[in-house]
Amino acid sequence: MGRAFEFRKARKFKRWGNMARVFTKLGKEITIAAKQGGPDPENNPRLRVLMQTAKKENMPKDNVERAIKRAVSKDFTDYKEMNYEGYGPFGIAVFVETATDNTTRTVANVRSYFNKCGGSLGTTGSLEFLFEHKCVFHIAKKEDMSLEDLELELIDFGVDEVEEDEEEVVLYGEFAQNSAIQKYLEENGYEITSSEFVRIPNDLKEVTAEQREAIEKLIEKLEEDEDVQNVFHNMKEEVEE
């Protein structure tokens, strides 16, 4: 099993009970996609796949329609996507992705969380090299599907890991190849059930139970902020079997 698989397993355990956060995050992503590529999913590949993701997450249809309408509303103040990087307690690297209509508020909040939890906010780009930016596609299994054949089909499109996960197959590929991978899957009859972008740490740091508690306090504060979309870090997760 590769790094991507371990990363996914760790994140999967964290997600339960976070539905409200998932809907808020997805709503913003849908609004941003509709603003950038138009409100018609037929002509907007990113919006199309986000709507599939929303369906998989059981996000109410009304929420999805509201998010699309927001993008075309004259009163809508566009979301700006901003990244913040810093070190949490005990030298753990933390990468924060946000979508905000007020960057002054967001950076002040993010900085205060780092400071209060014994960390420090760094400059943009300072920790990017510690993470690999990946696109992830979940596709429905086909009958007699061979993972090896699928990986060979997609290797030229930047896919570097293919894993089976219950009734799905999960593909990890280069972030820049996202559109090409999606196009290939759609044109070749693969059903995409969801898609996301992640940052996978190149190396994981071991921590003690006490240290983990302090680091998780920072991660929780960040994740609770309504402007924060994703938090990635290089702390080795405790994953139950």
Protein backbone atom coordinates (compact mmCIF):
# COMPACT_ATOMS: atom_id res chain seq x y z
CA MET A 1 0.00 0.00 0.00
CA GLY A 2 1.34 3.45 -0.88
CA ARG A 3 1.46 6.73 0.98
CA ALA A 4 -1.79 7.86 -0.62
CA PHE A 5 -3.63 4.85 0.77
CA GLU A 6 -2.36 5.45 4.32
CA PHE A 7 -3.22 9.14 4.00
CA ARG A 8 -6.77 8.34 2.86
CA LYS A 9 -7.32 5.80 5.64
CA ALA A 10 -6.29 8.37 8.27
CA ARG A 11 -8.58 11.06 6.83
CA LYS A 12 -11.51 8.66 6.51
CA PHE A 13 -11.60 8.01 10.23
CA LYS A 14 -11.65 11.75 10.93
CA ARG A 15 -14.58 12.59 8.68
CA TRP A 16 -17.46 10.91 10.51
CA GLY A 17 -19.69 13.37 12.34
CA ASN A 18 -18.48 16.30 10.27
CA MET A 19 -21.37 16.53 7.79
CA ALA A 20 -22.18 20.21 8.42
CA ARG A 21 -18.53 21.12 7.73
CA VAL A 22 -18.51 18.96 4.59
CA PHE A 23 -21.64 20.71 3.24
CA THR A 24 -20.22 24.19 3.95
CA LYS A 25 -16.92 23.32 2.27
CA LEU A 26 -18.59 21.72 -0.75
CA GLY A 27 -21.00 24.63 -1.09
CA LYS A 28 -18.07 27.05 -1.38
CA GLU A 29 -16.28 24.81 -3.89
CA ILE A 30 -19.44 24.61 -6.01
CA THR A 31 -19.88 28.40 -5.90
CA ILE A 32 -16.23 28.97 -6.90
CA ALA A 33 -16.48 26.43 -9.75
CA ALA A 34 -19.75 27.97 -11.03
CA LYS A 35 -18.26 31.47 -10.84
CA GLN A 36 -15.12 30.43 -12.76
CA GLY A 37 -16.62 28.10 -15.37
CA GLY A 38 -20.31 29.02 -15.54
CA PRO A 39 -23.41 27.55 -13.86
CA ASP A 40 -24.14 24.84 -16.46
CA PRO A 41 -22.54 21.52 -15.40
CA GLU A 42 -22.67 20.24 -19.00
CA ASN A 43 -20.12 22.89 -19.98
CA ASN A 44 -18.24 23.02 -16.67
CA PRO A 45 -16.30 19.80 -15.88
CA ARG A 46 -15.24 20.95 -12.38
CA LEU A 47 -18.81 21.83 -11.42
CA ARG A 48 -20.05 18.55 -12.88
CA VAL A 49 -17.75 16.44 -10.72
CA LEU A 50 -18.44 18.55 -7.60
CA MET A 51 -22.16 17.94 -8.05
CA GLN A 52 -21.41 14.19 -8.10
CA THR A 53 -19.37 14.60 -4.91
CA ALA A 54 -22.28 16.46 -3.28
CA LYS A 55 -24.62 13.63 -4.26
CA LYS A 56 -22.28 11.03 -2.75
CA GLU A 57 -22.09 13.06 0.48
CA ASN A 58 -25.92 13.25 0.63
CA MET A 59 -25.82 17.05 0.41
CA PRO A 60 -29.40 18.31 -0.11
CA LYS A 61 -30.18 19.34 -3.71
CA ASP A 62 -31.42 22.74 -2.45
CA ASN A 63 -27.97 23.45 -0.97
CA VAL A 64 -26.32 22.65 -4.30
CA GLU A 65 -28.73 24.87 -6.26
CA ARG A 66 -28.26 27.70 -3.75
CA ALA A 67 -24.47 27.47 -4.09
CA ILE A 68 -24.74 27.73 -7.90
CA LYS A 69 -27.22 30.64 -7.73
CA ARG A 70 -24.89 32.48 -5.34
CA ALA A 71 -22.17 32.45 -8.02
CA VAL A 72 -24.35 34.25 -10.57
CA SER A 73 -25.95 36.68 -8.11
CA LYS A 74 -25.10 40.36 -8.67
CA ASP A 75 -24.68 40.83 -4.91
CA PHE A 76 -22.20 38.00 -4.51
CA THR A 77 -18.74 38.96 -3.26
CA ASP A 78 -16.37 36.45 -4.80
CA TYR A 79 -14.48 34.02 -2.60
CA LYS A 80 -10.72 34.32 -2.74
CA GLU A 81 -8.76 31.08 -2.32
CA MET A 82 -5.77 31.66 -0.02
CA ASN A 83 -3.24 29.24 1.48
CA TYR A 84 -1.46 29.68 4.81
CA GLU A 85 1.50 27.65 6.00
CA GLY A 86 3.14 27.36 9.37
CA TYR A 87 4.54 25.14 12.07
CA GLY A 88 2.37 23.84 14.87
CA PRO A 89 3.73 22.69 18.23
CA PHE A 90 6.72 20.29 18.12
CA GLY A 91 7.67 21.29 14.57
CA ILE A 92 4.66 19.76 12.82
CA ALA A 93 4.10 21.37 9.40
CA VAL A 94 0.53 22.61 8.86
CA PHE A 95 -0.89 23.67 5.47
CA VAL A 96 -4.21 25.55 5.55
CA GLU A 97 -6.43 26.12 2.49
CA THR A 98 -9.12 28.79 2.78
CA ALA A 99 -11.90 30.32 0.68
CA THR A 100 -12.84 33.74 2.00
CA ASP A 101 -14.62 36.99 1.20
CA ASN A 102 -12.45 38.83 3.74
CA THR A 103 -8.72 37.96 3.67
CA THR A 104 -7.93 40.42 6.50
CA ARG A 105 -10.25 38.54 8.85
CA THR A 106 -9.00 35.13 7.70
CA VAL A 107 -5.27 35.77 8.09
CA ALA A 108 -5.83 37.37 11.53
CA ASN A 109 -7.82 34.35 12.69
CA VAL A 110 -5.38 31.79 11.29
CA ARG A 111 -2.41 33.61 12.85
CA SER A 112 -4.15 33.76 16.23
CA TYR A 113 -4.83 29.99 16.20
CA PHE A 114 -1.16 29.27 15.52
CA ASN A 115 0.00 31.71 18.20
CA LYS A 116 -2.44 30.50 20.88
CA CYS A 117 -1.49 26.86 20.29
CA GLY A 118 2.28 27.34 20.44
CA GLY A 119 2.91 27.44 16.71
CA SER A 120 3.87 30.12 14.21
CA LEU A 121 2.54 31.18 10.82
CA GLY A 122 5.16 31.20 8.05
CA THR A 123 5.35 32.92 4.68
CA THR A 124 3.35 31.68 1.69
CA GLY A 125 5.20 28.92 -0.16
CA SER A 126 7.59 28.22 2.72
CA LEU A 127 6.27 24.70 3.39
CA GLU A 128 4.81 23.77 0.02
CA PHE A 129 7.78 21.48 -0.73
CA LEU A 130 6.83 19.24 2.23
CA PHE A 131 3.57 18.18 0.55
CA GLU A 132 2.60 16.71 -2.82
CA HIS A 133 -0.47 18.34 -4.38
CA LYS A 134 -2.71 15.60 -5.80
CA CYS A 135 -6.10 15.19 -7.43
CA VAL A 136 -8.22 12.26 -6.27
CA PHE A 137 -11.01 10.56 -8.19
CA HIS A 138 -13.37 7.95 -6.76
CA ILE A 139 -14.93 5.83 -9.50
CA ALA A 140 -17.55 3.07 -9.41
CA LYS A 141 -16.22 -0.43 -10.00
CA LYS A 142 -16.97 -2.00 -13.36
CA GLU A 143 -17.51 -5.72 -13.76
CA ASP A 144 -14.23 -7.60 -14.31
CA MET A 145 -12.29 -4.36 -13.80
CA SER A 146 -8.53 -4.93 -13.57
CA LEU A 147 -6.74 -2.38 -11.38
CA GLU A 148 -3.45 -3.13 -13.14
CA ASP A 149 -4.96 -2.47 -16.57
CA LEU A 150 -6.63 0.71 -15.32
CA GLU A 151 -3.33 1.97 -13.90
CA LEU A 152 -1.60 1.27 -17.23
CA GLU A 153 -4.38 3.12 -19.08
CA LEU A 154 -4.00 6.17 -16.86
CA ILE A 155 -0.27 6.31 -16.21
CA ASP A 156 0.24 8.66 -19.17
CA PHE A 157 -2.28 11.05 -17.61
CA GLY A 158 -0.29 11.42 -14.38
CA VAL A 159 -2.11 8.82 -12.26
CA ASP A 160 0.44 7.23 -9.90
CA GLU A 161 -1.67 5.22 -7.45
CA VAL A 162 -4.80 3.11 -7.89
CA GLU A 163 -6.47 1.48 -4.87
CA GLU A 164 -9.60 -0.57 -4.29
CA ASP A 165 -11.86 0.73 -1.53
CA GLU A 166 -15.05 -1.27 -0.89
CA GLU A 167 -17.34 -0.66 -3.90
CA GLU A 168 -15.07 1.99 -5.40
CA VAL A 169 -11.69 2.46 -7.00
CA VAL A 170 -9.64 5.48 -5.88
CA LEU A 171 -7.16 7.15 -8.24
CA TYR A 172 -4.42 9.58 -7.19
CA GLY A 173 -2.85 11.76 -9.85
CA GLU A 174 -0.80 14.91 -10.39
CA PHE A 175 -2.75 18.05 -9.50
CA ALA A 176 -2.00 19.68 -12.86
CA GLN A 177 -3.45 16.67 -14.71
CA ASN A 178 -6.85 16.89 -13.03
CA SER A 179 -8.78 18.00 -16.14
CA ALA A 180 -7.07 15.45 -18.42
CA ILE A 181 -7.81 12.58 -15.99
CA GLN A 182 -11.45 13.62 -15.61
CA LYS A 183 -11.88 13.91 -19.38
CA TYR A 184 -10.39 10.45 -19.97
CA LEU A 185 -12.60 8.82 -17.30
CA GLU A 186 -15.79 10.45 -18.63
CA GLU A 187 -15.01 9.66 -22.27
CA ASN A 188 -14.27 6.01 -21.45
CA GLY A 189 -17.46 5.33 -19.53
CA TYR A 190 -16.14 5.41 -15.97
CA GLU A 191 -18.63 6.74 -13.42
CA ILE A 192 -16.93 9.36 -11.22
CA THR A 193 -18.65 9.35 -7.81
CA SER A 194 -16.52 12.13 -6.27
CA SER A 195 -13.34 14.12 -6.66
CA GLU A 196 -11.13 16.26 -4.44
CA PHE A 197 -7.69 17.87 -4.18
CA VAL A 198 -5.36 16.88 -1.35
CA ARG A 199 -1.84 17.59 -0.12
CA ILE A 200 -0.01 14.44 0.93
CA PRO A 201 2.99 14.87 3.25
CA ASN A 202 6.30 13.55 1.86
CA ASP A 203 7.37 12.40 5.33
CA LEU A 204 5.42 11.82 8.53
CA LYS A 205 6.63 12.80 11.99
CA GLU A 206 6.09 10.55 14.99
CA VAL A 207 4.65 12.25 18.08
CA THR A 208 3.82 11.21 21.63
CA ALA A 209 0.21 11.03 22.86
CA GLU A 210 0.72 14.29 24.79
CA GLN A 211 2.19 16.07 21.78
CA ARG A 212 -0.63 14.78 19.56
CA GLU A 213 -3.18 16.35 21.90
CA ALA A 214 -1.54 19.79 21.61
CA ILE A 215 -1.28 19.56 17.80
CA GLU A 216 -4.87 18.36 17.41
CA LYS A 217 -6.04 21.37 19.42
CA LEU A 218 -4.57 23.64 16.71
CA ILE A 219 -6.00 21.51 13.87
CA GLU A 220 -9.48 21.56 15.47
CA LYS A 221 -9.41 25.36 15.90
CA LEU A 222 -8.44 25.78 12.25
CA GLU A 223 -11.05 23.31 10.98
CA GLU A 224 -13.81 25.01 12.99
CA ASP A 225 -13.17 28.34 11.24
CA GLU A 226 -15.81 28.94 8.55
CA ASP A 227 -13.20 30.32 6.10
CA VAL A 228 -11.04 27.19 6.28
CA GLN A 229 -11.59 24.56 3.59
CA ASN A 230 -8.84 22.04 4.35
CA VAL A 231 -6.06 21.46 6.87
CA PHE A 232 -3.14 19.17 5.99
CA HIS A 233 -0.21 18.28 8.25
CA ASN A 234 2.73 15.87 8.49
CA MET A 235 1.95 14.32 11.88
CA LYS A 236 1.70 10.54 11.76
CA GLU A 237 -1.91 9.61 12.43
CA GLU A 238 -3.18 7.06 14.90
CA VAL A 239 -5.35 4.82 12.73
CA GLU A 240 -7.41 2.04 14.20
CA GLU A 241 -7.50 -1.17 12.21
